[in-house]
Amino acid sequence: MASLNGAGNAMPVIGTGNTYYLQLGGILPYFNKEKKDMQLQPAVGIQLSDLKGLHDNAVIYDAGVSLLSNGMSSRLTFDAQNRPVFTNDPGNNAVVPDRKWQFILKYRIDFN
């Protein structure tokens, strides 16, 4: 069956209905308290979309961690996201028979 998500990492999350999003994160103590150089910043998130055009809810899970250096001037982030893949069942209802992972590694530097 063909996916209703579309190309790439697209997925139906906007439409008539309700969407709820929760994100939690924090920052851990410095690895070396005297230097105050590197810290970890973990975060998790979940999005639930109950849309009229979909038989199943669209639930997206997200978890990641950032390694901060020089305050927040340099940041290396790893993020993992798990999302539904929608297809039509024999009754033409948009259901979730499968889920896919997406992994992202990114680096950001600020020039002051």
PDB file of N, CA and C in Angstrom:
ATOM      1  N   MET A   1       0.835  -1.199   0.000  1.00  0.00           N
ATOM      2  CA  MET A   1       0.000   0.000   0.000  1.00  0.00           C
ATOM      3  C   MET A   1       0.875   1.256   0.000  1.00  0.00           C
ATOM      4  N   ALA A   2       0.401   2.291  -0.634  1.00  0.00           N
ATOM      5  CA  ALA A   2       1.130   3.555  -0.698  1.00  0.00           C
ATOM      6  C   ALA A   2       0.915   4.349   0.578  1.00  0.00           C
ATOM      7  N   SER A   3       1.947   5.041   1.003  1.00  0.00           N
ATOM      8  CA  SER A   3       1.887   5.872   2.201  1.00  0.00           C
ATOM      9  C   SER A   3       1.106   7.153   1.923  1.00  0.00           C
ATOM     10  N   LEU A   4       0.332   7.592   2.887  1.00  0.00           N
ATOM     11  CA  LEU A   4      -0.374   8.872   2.798  1.00  0.00           C
ATOM     12  C   LEU A   4       0.494  10.022   3.307  1.00  0.00           C
ATOM     13  N   ASN A   5       1.661   9.700   3.868  1.00  0.00           N
ATOM     14  CA  ASN A   5       2.521  10.725   4.455  1.00  0.00           C
ATOM     15  C   ASN A   5       3.100  11.678   3.426  1.00  0.00           C
ATOM     16  N   GLY A   6       3.362  11.192   2.235  1.00  0.00           N
ATOM     17  CA  GLY A   6       4.028  12.023   1.250  1.00  0.00           C
ATOM     18  C   GLY A   6       5.509  11.684   1.197  1.00  0.00           C
ATOM     19  N   ALA A   7       6.274  12.502   0.512  1.00  0.00           N
ATOM     20  CA  ALA A   7       7.699  12.233   0.315  1.00  0.00           C
ATOM     21  C   ALA A   7       8.530  12.594   1.533  1.00  0.00           C
ATOM     22  N   GLY A   8       9.683  11.945   1.643  1.00  0.00           N
ATOM     23  CA  GLY A   8      10.644  12.279   2.703  1.00  0.00           C
ATOM     24  C   GLY A   8      10.105  12.009   4.084  1.00  0.00           C
ATOM     25  N   ASN A   9      10.300  12.976   4.982  1.00  0.00           N
ATOM     26  CA  ASN A   9       9.843  12.804   6.361  1.00  0.00           C
ATOM     27  C   ASN A   9       8.517  13.521   6.615  1.00  0.00           C
ATOM     28  N   ALA A  10       7.747  13.794   5.564  1.00  0.00           N
ATOM     29  CA  ALA A  10       6.448  14.451   5.703  1.00  0.00           C
ATOM     30  C   ALA A  10       5.458  13.525   6.391  1.00  0.00           C
ATOM     31  N   MET A  11       4.488  14.108   7.054  1.00  0.00           N
ATOM     32  CA  MET A  11       3.414  13.340   7.677  1.00  0.00           C
ATOM     33  C   MET A  11       2.238  14.250   7.964  1.00  0.00           C
ATOM     34  N   PRO A  12       1.023  13.701   7.997  1.00  0.00           N
ATOM     35  CA  PRO A  12      -0.160  14.537   8.244  1.00  0.00           C
ATOM     36  C   PRO A  12      -0.285  14.888   9.726  1.00  0.00           C
ATOM     37  N   VAL A  13      -0.027  16.138  10.062  1.00  0.00           N
ATOM     38  CA  VAL A  13      -0.179  16.587  11.458  1.00  0.00           C
ATOM     39  C   VAL A  13      -0.981  17.879  11.570  1.00  0.00           C
ATOM     40  N   ILE A  14      -1.436  18.413  10.436  1.00  0.00           N
ATOM     41  CA  ILE A  14      -2.222  19.641  10.458  1.00  0.00           C
ATOM     42  C   ILE A  14      -3.562  19.353   9.790  1.00  0.00           C
ATOM     43  N   GLY A  15      -4.649  19.781  10.423  1.00  0.00           N
ATOM     44  CA  GLY A  15      -5.974  19.581   9.863  1.00  0.00           C
ATOM     45  C   GLY A  15      -7.038  19.884  10.893  1.00  0.00           C
ATOM     46  N   THR A  16      -8.269  19.531  10.588  1.00  0.00           N
ATOM     47  CA  THR A  16      -9.379  19.751  11.502  1.00  0.00           C
ATOM     48  C   THR A  16      -9.282  18.746  12.640  1.00  0.00           C
ATOM     49  N   GLY A  17      -9.238  19.243  13.846  1.00  0.00           N
ATOM     50  CA  GLY A  17      -9.111  18.384  15.025  1.00  0.00           C
ATOM     51  C   GLY A  17      -8.271  19.075  16.076  1.00  0.00           C
ATOM     52  N   ASN A  18      -7.636  18.292  16.913  1.00  0.00           N
ATOM     53  CA  ASN A  18      -6.839  18.833  18.013  1.00  0.00           C
ATOM     54  C   ASN A  18      -5.425  18.281  17.967  1.00  0.00           C
ATOM     55  N   THR A  19      -4.464  19.133  18.331  1.00  0.00           N
ATOM     56  CA  THR A  19      -3.068  18.719  18.462  1.00  0.00           C
ATOM     57  C   THR A  19      -2.576  19.140  19.835  1.00  0.00           C
ATOM     58  N   TYR A  20      -1.915  18.213  20.514  1.00  0.00           N
ATOM     59  CA  TYR A  20      -1.347  18.464  21.844  1.00  0.00           C
ATOM     60  C   TYR A  20       0.144  18.181  21.763  1.00  0.00           C
ATOM     61  N   TYR A  21       0.946  19.038  22.391  1.00  0.00           N
ATOM     62  CA  TYR A  21       2.397  18.889  22.341  1.00  0.00           C
ATOM     63  C   TYR A  21       2.955  19.132  23.728  1.00  0.00           C
ATOM     64  N   LEU A  22       3.843  18.254  24.159  1.00  0.00           N
ATOM     65  CA  LEU A  22       4.502  18.386  25.458  1.00  0.00           C
ATOM     66  C   LEU A  22       5.992  18.200  25.246  1.00  0.00           C
ATOM     67  N   GLN A  23       6.784  19.111  25.794  1.00  0.00           N
ATOM     68  CA  GLN A  23       8.237  19.003  25.695  1.00  0.00           C
ATOM     69  C   GLN A  23       8.831  19.256  27.064  1.00  0.00           C
ATOM     70  N   LEU A  24       9.749  18.383  27.469  1.00  0.00           N
ATOM     71  CA  LEU A  24      10.446  18.519  28.746  1.00  0.00           C
ATOM     72  C   LEU A  24      11.942  18.487  28.485  1.00  0.00           C
ATOM     73  N   GLY A  25      12.665  19.337  29.177  1.00  0.00           N
ATOM     74  CA  GLY A  25      14.115  19.365  29.017  1.00  0.00           C
ATOM     75  C   GLY A  25      14.756  20.016  30.219  1.00  0.00           C
ATOM     76  N   GLY A  26      16.029  19.920  30.265  1.00  0.00           N
ATOM     77  CA  GLY A  26      16.766  20.528  31.367  1.00  0.00           C
ATOM     78  C   GLY A  26      18.240  20.539  31.030  1.00  0.00           C
ATOM     79  N   ILE A  27      19.004  21.098  31.938  1.00  0.00           N
ATOM     80  CA  ILE A  27      20.445  21.167  31.732  1.00  0.00           C
ATOM     81  C   ILE A  27      21.125  20.549  32.943  1.00  0.00           C
ATOM     82  N   LEU A  28      22.091  19.694  32.684  1.00  0.00           N
ATOM     83  CA  LEU A  28      22.805  19.004  33.752  1.00  0.00           C
ATOM     84  C   LEU A  28      24.010  19.833  34.201  1.00  0.00           C
ATOM     85  N   PRO A  29      24.562  19.530  35.372  1.00  0.00           N
ATOM     86  CA  PRO A  29      25.730  20.294  35.856  1.00  0.00           C
ATOM     87  C   PRO A  29      26.932  20.178  34.907  1.00  0.00           C
ATOM     88  N   TYR A  30      27.856  21.126  35.035  1.00  0.00           N
ATOM     89  CA  TYR A  30      29.082  21.115  34.231  1.00  0.00           C
ATOM     90  C   TYR A  30      29.870  19.840  34.480  1.00  0.00           C
ATOM     91  N   PHE A  31      30.550  19.336  33.443  1.00  0.00           N
ATOM     92  CA  PHE A  31      31.448  18.196  33.621  1.00  0.00           C
ATOM     93  C   PHE A  31      32.602  18.580  34.554  1.00  0.00           C
ATOM     94  N   ASN A  32      33.132  19.781  34.378  1.00  0.00           N
ATOM     95  CA  ASN A  32      34.218  20.300  35.205  1.00  0.00           C
ATOM     96  C   ASN A  32      33.741  21.620  35.806  1.00  0.00           C
ATOM     97  N   LYS A  33      33.394  21.602  37.076  1.00  0.00           N
ATOM     98  CA  LYS A  33      32.790  22.788  37.706  1.00  0.00           C
ATOM     99  C   LYS A  33      33.725  23.985  37.746  1.00  0.00           C
ATOM    100  N   GLU A  34      35.049  23.747  37.826  1.00  0.00           N
ATOM    101  CA  GLU A  34      36.000  24.869  37.881  1.00  0.00           C
ATOM    102  C   GLU A  34      36.077  25.599  36.538  1.00  0.00           C
ATOM    103  N   LYS A  35      36.100  24.839  35.446  1.00  0.00           N
ATOM    104  CA  LYS A  35      36.212  25.441  34.110  1.00  0.00           C
ATOM    105  C   LYS A  35      34.875  25.954  33.596  1.00  0.00           C
ATOM    106  N   LYS A  36      33.778  25.374  34.070  1.00  0.00           N
ATOM    107  CA  LYS A  36      32.433  25.721  33.579  1.00  0.00           C
ATOM    108  C   LYS A  36      32.397  25.710  32.053  1.00  0.00           C
ATOM    109  N   ASP A  37      32.803  24.555  31.489  1.00  0.00           N
ATOM    110  CA  ASP A  37      32.943  24.494  30.042  1.00  0.00           C
ATOM    111  C   ASP A  37      31.858  23.667  29.361  1.00  0.00           C
ATOM    112  N   MET A  38      31.695  22.387  29.727  1.00  0.00           N
ATOM    113  CA  MET A  38      30.790  21.517  28.978  1.00  0.00           C
ATOM    114  C   MET A  38      29.639  21.023  29.855  1.00  0.00           C
ATOM    115  N   GLN A  39      28.444  20.980  29.231  1.00  0.00           N
ATOM    116  CA  GLN A  39      27.240  20.502  29.900  1.00  0.00           C
ATOM    117  C   GLN A  39      26.408  19.681  28.919  1.00  0.00           C
ATOM    118  N   LEU A  40      25.569  18.811  29.463  1.00  0.00           N
ATOM    119  CA  LEU A  40      24.594  18.081  28.659  1.00  0.00           C
ATOM    120  C   LEU A  40      23.206  18.668  28.878  1.00  0.00           C
ATOM    121  N   GLN A  41      22.428  18.713  27.807  1.00  0.00           N
ATOM    122  CA  GLN A  41      21.066  19.222  27.864  1.00  0.00           C
ATOM    123  C   GLN A  41      20.134  18.205  27.200  1.00  0.00           C
ATOM    124  N   PRO A  42      19.532  17.292  28.005  1.00  0.00           N
ATOM    125  CA  PRO A  42      18.595  16.319  27.427  1.00  0.00           C
ATOM    126  C   PRO A  42      17.200  16.924  27.265  1.00  0.00           C
ATOM    127  N   ALA A  43      16.437  16.376  26.317  1.00  0.00           N
ATOM    128  CA  ALA A  43      15.060  16.826  26.104  1.00  0.00           C
ATOM    129  C   ALA A  43      14.248  15.694  25.495  1.00  0.00           C
ATOM    130  N   VAL A  44      12.981  15.638  25.836  1.00  0.00           N
ATOM    131  CA  VAL A  44      12.039  14.686  25.246  1.00  0.00           C
ATOM    132  C   VAL A  44      10.779  15.440  24.870  1.00  0.00           C
ATOM    133  N   GLY A  45      10.064  14.916  23.887  1.00  0.00           N
ATOM    134  CA  GLY A  45       8.817  15.542  23.474  1.00  0.00           C
ATOM    135  C   GLY A  45       7.859  14.511  22.916  1.00  0.00           C
ATOM    136  N   ILE A  46       6.586  14.844  22.961  1.00  0.00           N
ATOM    137  CA  ILE A  46       5.551  13.994  22.369  1.00  0.00           C
ATOM    138  C   ILE A  46       4.488  14.909  21.770  1.00  0.00           C
ATOM    139  N   GLN A  47       4.009  14.538  20.595  1.00  0.00           N
ATOM    140  CA  GLN A  47       2.924  15.266  19.946  1.00  0.00           C
ATOM    141  C   GLN A  47       1.818  14.272  19.625  1.00  0.00           C
ATOM    142  N   LEU A  48       0.600  14.638  19.992  1.00  0.00           N
ATOM    143  CA  LEU A  48      -0.578  13.822  19.701  1.00  0.00           C
ATOM    144  C   LEU A  48      -1.533  14.673  18.885  1.00  0.00           C
ATOM    145  N   SER A  49      -1.843  14.213  17.671  1.00  0.00           N
ATOM    146  CA  SER A  49      -2.797  14.904  16.808  1.00  0.00           C
ATOM    147  C   SER A  49      -3.986  13.986  16.562  1.00  0.00           C
ATOM    148  N   ASP A  50      -5.165  14.442  16.976  1.00  0.00           N
ATOM    149  CA  ASP A  50      -6.420  13.717  16.766  1.00  0.00           C
ATOM    150  C   ASP A  50      -7.166  14.469  15.663  1.00  0.00           C
ATOM    151  N   LEU A  51      -6.939  14.056  14.421  1.00  0.00           N
ATOM    152  CA  LEU A  51      -7.476  14.774  13.269  1.00  0.00           C
ATOM    153  C   LEU A  51      -8.656  14.029  12.666  1.00  0.00           C
ATOM    154  N   LYS A  52      -9.635  14.778  12.208  1.00  0.00           N
ATOM    155  CA  LYS A  52     -10.869  14.195  11.662  1.00  0.00           C
ATOM    156  C   LYS A  52     -10.615  13.304  10.446  1.00  0.00           C
ATOM    157  N   GLY A  53      -9.620  13.645   9.613  1.00  0.00           N
ATOM    158  CA  GLY A  53      -9.351  12.881   8.400  1.00  0.00           C
ATOM    159  C   GLY A  53      -8.572  11.596   8.630  1.00  0.00           C
ATOM    160  N   LEU A  54      -8.126  11.354   9.867  1.00  0.00           N
ATOM    161  CA  LEU A  54      -7.331  10.164  10.167  1.00  0.00           C
ATOM    162  C   LEU A  54      -8.095   9.251  11.106  1.00  0.00           C
ATOM    163  N   HIS A  55      -8.113   7.963  10.808  1.00  0.00           N
ATOM    164  CA  HIS A  55      -8.776   6.999  11.698  1.00  0.00           C
ATOM    165  C   HIS A  55      -7.959   6.823  12.973  1.00  0.00           C
ATOM    166  N   ASP A  56      -6.626   6.692  12.838  1.00  0.00           N
ATOM    167  CA  ASP A  56      -5.729   6.561  13.992  1.00  0.00           C
ATOM    168  C   ASP A  56      -5.143   7.922  14.337  1.00  0.00           C
ATOM    169  N   ASN A  57      -4.786   8.108  15.600  1.00  0.00           N
ATOM    170  CA  ASN A  57      -4.118   9.336  16.019  1.00  0.00           C
ATOM    171  C   ASN A  57      -2.697   9.376  15.478  1.00  0.00           C
ATOM    172  N   ALA A  58      -2.217  10.567  15.223  1.00  0.00           N
ATOM    173  CA  ALA A  58      -0.820  10.768  14.828  1.00  0.00           C
ATOM    174  C   ALA A  58      -0.040  11.060  16.108  1.00  0.00           C
ATOM    175  N   VAL A  59       0.798  10.118  16.518  1.00  0.00           N
ATOM    176  CA  VAL A  59       1.597  10.274  17.733  1.00  0.00           C
ATOM    177  C   VAL A  59       3.068  10.270  17.335  1.00  0.00           C
ATOM    178  N   ILE A  60       3.785  11.333  17.711  1.00  0.00           N
ATOM    179  CA  ILE A  60       5.192  11.489  17.370  1.00  0.00           C
ATOM    180  C   ILE A  60       5.991  11.560  18.666  1.00  0.00           C
ATOM    181  N   TYR A  61       7.024  10.718  18.758  1.00  0.00           N
ATOM    182  CA  TYR A  61       7.916  10.715  19.918  1.00  0.00           C
ATOM    183  C   TYR A  61       9.247  11.317  19.502  1.00  0.00           C
ATOM    184  N   ASP A  62       9.857  12.085  20.411  1.00  0.00           N
ATOM    185  CA  ASP A  62      11.110  12.750  20.105  1.00  0.00           C
ATOM    186  C   ASP A  62      11.983  12.756  21.353  1.00  0.00           C
ATOM    187  N   ALA A  63      13.268  12.433  21.206  1.00  0.00           N
ATOM    188  CA  ALA A  63      14.212  12.486  22.329  1.00  0.00           C
ATOM    189  C   ALA A  63      15.571  12.892  21.787  1.00  0.00           C
ATOM    190  N   GLY A  64      16.263  13.715  22.541  1.00  0.00           N
ATOM    191  CA  GLY A  64      17.574  14.158  22.092  1.00  0.00           C
ATOM    192  C   GLY A  64      18.424  14.651  23.238  1.00  0.00           C
ATOM    193  N   VAL A  65      19.685  14.893  22.909  1.00  0.00           N
ATOM    194  CA  VAL A  65      20.625  15.431  23.893  1.00  0.00           C
ATOM    195  C   VAL A  65      21.594  16.358  23.172  1.00  0.00           C
ATOM    196  N   SER A  66      21.909  17.471  23.822  1.00  0.00           N
ATOM    197  CA  SER A  66      22.866  18.435  23.284  1.00  0.00           C
ATOM    198  C   SER A  66      24.076  18.498  24.200  1.00  0.00           C
ATOM    199  N   LEU A  67      25.251  18.599  23.602  1.00  0.00           N
ATOM    200  CA  LEU A  67      26.487  18.835  24.331  1.00  0.00           C
ATOM    201  C   LEU A  67      26.823  20.301  24.140  1.00  0.00           C
ATOM    202  N   LEU A  68      26.760  21.063  25.239  1.00  0.00           N
ATOM    203  CA  LEU A  68      27.004  22.501  25.185  1.00  0.00           C
ATOM    204  C   LEU A  68      28.444  22.787  25.581  1.00  0.00           C
ATOM    205  N   SER A  69      29.063  23.708  24.876  1.00  0.00           N
ATOM    206  CA  SER A  69      30.430  24.112  25.184  1.00  0.00           C
ATOM    207  C   SER A  69      30.502  25.625  25.092  1.00  0.00           C
ATOM    208  N   ASN A  70      31.357  26.225  25.903  1.00  0.00           N
ATOM    209  CA  ASN A  70      31.496  27.694  25.894  1.00  0.00           C
ATOM    210  C   ASN A  70      30.162  28.364  26.191  1.00  0.00           C
ATOM    211  N   GLY A  71      29.541  27.963  27.283  1.00  0.00           N
ATOM    212  CA  GLY A  71      28.187  28.431  27.568  1.00  0.00           C
ATOM    213  C   GLY A  71      27.257  27.749  26.591  1.00  0.00           C
ATOM    214  N   MET A  72      26.572  28.523  25.771  1.00  0.00           N
ATOM    215  CA  MET A  72      25.736  27.939  24.720  1.00  0.00           C
ATOM    216  C   MET A  72      26.233  28.373  23.347  1.00  0.00           C
ATOM    217  N   SER A  73      27.500  28.783  23.258  1.00  0.00           N
ATOM    218  CA  SER A  73      28.050  29.268  21.983  1.00  0.00           C
ATOM    219  C   SER A  73      28.347  28.153  21.001  1.00  0.00           C
ATOM    220  N   SER A  74      28.538  26.935  21.506  1.00  0.00           N
ATOM    221  CA  SER A  74      28.831  25.793  20.655  1.00  0.00           C
ATOM    222  C   SER A  74      27.951  24.647  21.112  1.00  0.00           C
ATOM    223  N   ARG A  75      27.228  24.032  20.176  1.00  0.00           N
ATOM    224  CA  ARG A  75      26.263  22.993  20.544  1.00  0.00           C
ATOM    225  C   ARG A  75      26.274  21.869  19.515  1.00  0.00           C
ATOM    226  N   LEU A  76      26.480  20.626  20.012  1.00  0.00           N
ATOM    227  CA  LEU A  76      26.380  19.420  19.200  1.00  0.00           C
ATOM    228  C   LEU A  76      25.141  18.683  19.679  1.00  0.00           C
ATOM    229  N   THR A  77      24.205  18.407  18.770  1.00  0.00           N
ATOM    230  CA  THR A  77      22.922  17.819  19.151  1.00  0.00           C
ATOM    231  C   THR A  77      22.664  16.531  18.382  1.00  0.00           C
ATOM    232  N   PHE A  78      22.199  15.514  19.117  1.00  0.00           N
ATOM    233  CA  PHE A  78      21.701  14.283  18.511  1.00  0.00           C
ATOM    234  C   PHE A  78      20.233  14.180  18.877  1.00  0.00           C
ATOM    235  N   ASP A  79      19.384  13.907  17.883  1.00  0.00           N
ATOM    236  CA  ASP A  79      17.947  13.825  18.105  1.00  0.00           C
ATOM    237  C   ASP A  79      17.389  12.597  17.387  1.00  0.00           C
ATOM    238  N   ALA A  80      16.479  11.900  18.045  1.00  0.00           N
ATOM    239  CA  ALA A  80      15.804  10.740  17.451  1.00  0.00           C
ATOM    240  C   ALA A  80      14.306  10.990  17.503  1.00  0.00           C
ATOM    241  N   GLN A  81      13.628  10.737  16.384  1.00  0.00           N
ATOM    242  CA  GLN A  81      12.184  10.943  16.306  1.00  0.00           C
ATOM    243  C   GLN A  81      11.534   9.691  15.721  1.00  0.00           C
ATOM    244  N   ASN A  82      10.429   9.274  16.324  1.00  0.00           N
ATOM    245  CA  ASN A  82       9.664   8.138  15.829  1.00  0.00           C
ATOM    246  C   ASN A  82       8.286   8.652  15.445  1.00  0.00           C
ATOM    247  N   ARG A  83       7.883   8.378  14.185  1.00  0.00           N
ATOM    248  CA  ARG A  83       6.626   8.928  13.688  1.00  0.00           C
ATOM    249  C   ARG A  83       5.822   7.851  12.956  1.00  0.00           C
ATOM    250  N   PRO A  84       4.504   8.046  12.865  1.00  0.00           N
ATOM    251  CA  PRO A  84       3.653   7.071  12.194  1.00  0.00           C
ATOM    252  C   PRO A  84       3.711   7.204  10.676  1.00  0.00           C
ATOM    253  N   VAL A  85       3.454   6.080  10.012  1.00  0.00           N
ATOM    254  CA  VAL A  85       3.297   6.062   8.553  1.00  0.00           C
ATOM    255  C   VAL A  85       1.852   5.644   8.287  1.00  0.00           C
ATOM    256  N   PHE A  86       1.091   6.524   7.676  1.00  0.00           N
ATOM    257  CA  PHE A  86      -0.327   6.282   7.418  1.00  0.00           C
ATOM    258  C   PHE A  86      -0.545   5.652   6.048  1.00  0.00           C
ATOM    259  N   THR A  87      -1.456   4.686   5.992  1.00  0.00           N
ATOM    260  CA  THR A  87      -1.923   4.109   4.734  1.00  0.00           C
ATOM    261  C   THR A  87      -3.439   3.921   4.849  1.00  0.00           C
ATOM    262  N   ASN A  88      -4.088   3.698   3.722  1.00  0.00           N
ATOM    263  CA  ASN A  88      -5.529   3.420   3.741  1.00  0.00           C
ATOM    264  C   ASN A  88      -5.750   1.928   3.933  1.00  0.00           C
ATOM    265  N   ASP A  89      -6.644   1.564   4.858  1.00  0.00           N
ATOM    266  CA  ASP A  89      -7.028   0.162   5.028  1.00  0.00           C
ATOM    267  C   ASP A  89      -8.101  -0.178   3.987  1.00  0.00           C
ATOM    268  N   PRO A  90      -8.570  -1.431   3.930  1.00  0.00           N
ATOM    269  CA  PRO A  90      -9.599  -1.791   2.922  1.00  0.00           C
ATOM    270  C   PRO A  90     -10.871  -0.953   3.017  1.00  0.00           C
ATOM    271  N   GLY A  91     -11.179  -0.410   4.209  1.00  0.00           N
ATOM    272  CA  GLY A  91     -12.353   0.447   4.368  1.00  0.00           C
ATOM    273  C   GLY A  91     -12.078   1.904   4.050  1.00  0.00           C
ATOM    274  N   ASN A  92     -10.886   2.202   3.470  1.00  0.00           N
ATOM    275  CA  ASN A  92     -10.464   3.554   3.103  1.00  0.00           C
ATOM    276  C   ASN A  92     -10.291   4.467   4.317  1.00  0.00           C
ATOM    277  N   ASN A  93      -9.885   3.885   5.452  1.00  0.00           N
ATOM    278  CA  ASN A  93      -9.571   4.657   6.660  1.00  0.00           C
ATOM    279  C   ASN A  93      -8.058   4.838   6.751  1.00  0.00           C
ATOM    280  N   ALA A  94      -7.613   6.036   7.129  1.00  0.00           N
ATOM    281  CA  ALA A  94      -6.182   6.311   7.297  1.00  0.00           C
ATOM    282  C   ALA A  94      -5.716   5.716   8.619  1.00  0.00           C
ATOM    283  N   VAL A  95      -4.970   4.617   8.529  1.00  0.00           N
ATOM    284  CA  VAL A  95      -4.506   3.902   9.724  1.00  0.00           C
ATOM    285  C   VAL A  95      -2.977   3.857   9.737  1.00  0.00           C
ATOM    286  N   VAL A  96      -2.418   3.470  10.905  1.00  0.00           N
ATOM    287  CA  VAL A  96      -0.966   3.414  11.097  1.00  0.00           C
ATOM    288  C   VAL A  96      -0.515   1.956  11.201  1.00  0.00           C
ATOM    289  N   PRO A  97      -0.102   1.345  10.076  1.00  0.00           N
ATOM    290  CA  PRO A  97       0.408  -0.018  10.149  1.00  0.00           C
ATOM    291  C   PRO A  97       1.909  -0.078  10.429  1.00  0.00           C
ATOM    292  N   ASP A  98       2.590   1.076  10.356  1.00  0.00           N
ATOM    293  CA  ASP A  98       4.040   1.089  10.491  1.00  0.00           C
ATOM    294  C   ASP A  98       4.486   2.411  11.100  1.00  0.00           C
ATOM    295  N   ARG A  99       5.704   2.399  11.645  1.00  0.00           N
ATOM    296  CA  ARG A  99       6.321   3.611  12.186  1.00  0.00           C
ATOM    297  C   ARG A  99       7.745   3.669  11.650  1.00  0.00           C
ATOM    298  N   LYS A 100       8.290   4.866  11.525  1.00  0.00           N
ATOM    299  CA  LYS A 100       9.659   5.051  11.027  1.00  0.00           C
ATOM    300  C   LYS A 100      10.455   5.921  11.994  1.00  0.00           C
ATOM    301  N   TRP A 101      11.765   5.712  11.982  1.00  0.00           N
ATOM    302  CA  TRP A 101      12.691   6.504  12.790  1.00  0.00           C
ATOM    303  C   TRP A 101      13.372   7.550  11.921  1.00  0.00           C
ATOM    304  N   GLN A 102      13.697   8.663  12.552  1.00  0.00           N
ATOM    305  CA  GLN A 102      14.507   9.705  11.929  1.00  0.00           C
ATOM    306  C   GLN A 102      15.579  10.086  12.936  1.00  0.00           C
ATOM    307  N   PHE A 103      16.839  10.129  12.503  1.00  0.00           N
ATOM    308  CA  PHE A 103      17.946  10.504  13.379  1.00  0.00           C
ATOM    309  C   PHE A 103      18.618  11.742  12.805  1.00  0.00           C
ATOM    310  N   ILE A 104      18.897  12.705  13.672  1.00  0.00           N
ATOM    311  CA  ILE A 104      19.494  13.964  13.238  1.00  0.00           C
ATOM    312  C   ILE A 104      20.706  14.258  14.112  1.00  0.00           C
ATOM    313  N   LEU A 105      21.810  14.603  13.469  1.00  0.00           N
ATOM    314  CA  LEU A 105      23.009  15.058  14.161  1.00  0.00           C
ATOM    315  C   LEU A 105      23.319  16.438  13.606  1.00  0.00           C
ATOM    316  N   LYS A 106      23.412  17.435  14.488  1.00  0.00           N
ATOM    317  CA  LYS A 106      23.666  18.799  13.999  1.00  0.00           C
ATOM    318  C   LYS A 106      24.636  19.524  14.932  1.00  0.00           C
ATOM    319  N   TYR A 107      25.293  20.514  14.367  1.00  0.00           N
ATOM    320  CA  TYR A 107      26.250  21.332  15.120  1.00  0.00           C
ATOM    321  C   TYR A 107      25.926  22.794  14.866  1.00  0.00           C
ATOM    322  N   ARG A 108      25.973  23.568  15.938  1.00  0.00           N
ATOM    323  CA  ARG A 108      25.717  25.012  15.833  1.00  0.00           C
ATOM    324  C   ARG A 108      26.813  25.763  16.574  1.00  0.00           C
ATOM    325  N   ILE A 109      27.275  26.832  15.985  1.00  0.00           N
ATOM    326  CA  ILE A 109      28.264  27.691  16.633  1.00  0.00           C
ATOM    327  C   ILE A 109      27.803  29.137  16.477  1.00  0.00           C
ATOM    328  N   ASP A 110      27.962  29.902  17.545  1.00  0.00           N
ATOM    329  CA  ASP A 110      27.623  31.330  17.511  1.00  0.00           C
ATOM    330  C   ASP A 110      28.916  32.141  17.382  1.00  0.00           C
ATOM    331  N   PHE A 111      28.903  33.093  16.498  1.00  0.00           N
ATOM    332  CA  PHE A 111      30.033  34.019  16.348  1.00  0.00           C
ATOM    333  C   PHE A 111      29.662  35.317  17.038  1.00  0.00           C
ATOM    334  N   ASN A 112      30.339  35.603  18.113  1.00  0.00           N
ATOM    335  CA  ASN A 112      30.039  36.827  18.893  1.00  0.00           C
ATOM    336  C   ASN A 112      31.013  37.928  18.567  1.00  0.00           C
TER     337      ASN A 112
END
